Amino acid sequence: MAEQLTDPNEVLFRQIHPSNFKDGRPASDRFRPQPSDHGKMSVDRAALTSANASHALYSSSGNLSAAVFGVSVEEFLEESLICLSDPLIATAGQPANPAHALVDYTSFEERKWKNISKRLCIKAIERGQLHPPDED
């Protein structure tokens, strides 16, 4: 069973696809599960990896990421979202990712995800782009 993340200060990294990254800002829909995610959004744990290493591992499988942003466990908890450790083992098409975790949205109706993701996106933007380093 997945272990709940409890360190409120731990930041969880979210990859932002280039088509969802405009003028240095991520689209808010990147902070909610996508249809194929079954209500659980993938993130990587700052306690186990860096934003740079998270980006490199994600990109090594052919995935596209223009930037990495982060939201803390506490910020997810403020939205009543539970964060769970979910390390991935290596498969033929994917390298192992011991830092992988999930943010569980399943306790909410899907129609509520949009407003939650908007608030989380604002927090991520306030924290700033974590990879590549923001040039400002």
Foldseek 3Di string as FASTA:
>chain_A
DWDWDDDQAKKWKFFAAPVQADPNAGNLVSQWDDPVRLQKHKTFIPVVDAQVVVQVQCCVLVGGGPFMFIDGQNLLVVVVKIKTQDWAPDDPRHHTGRRMIITGRVVDDPVCRSVSSVVRRVVRVVVNTRPPHDPD
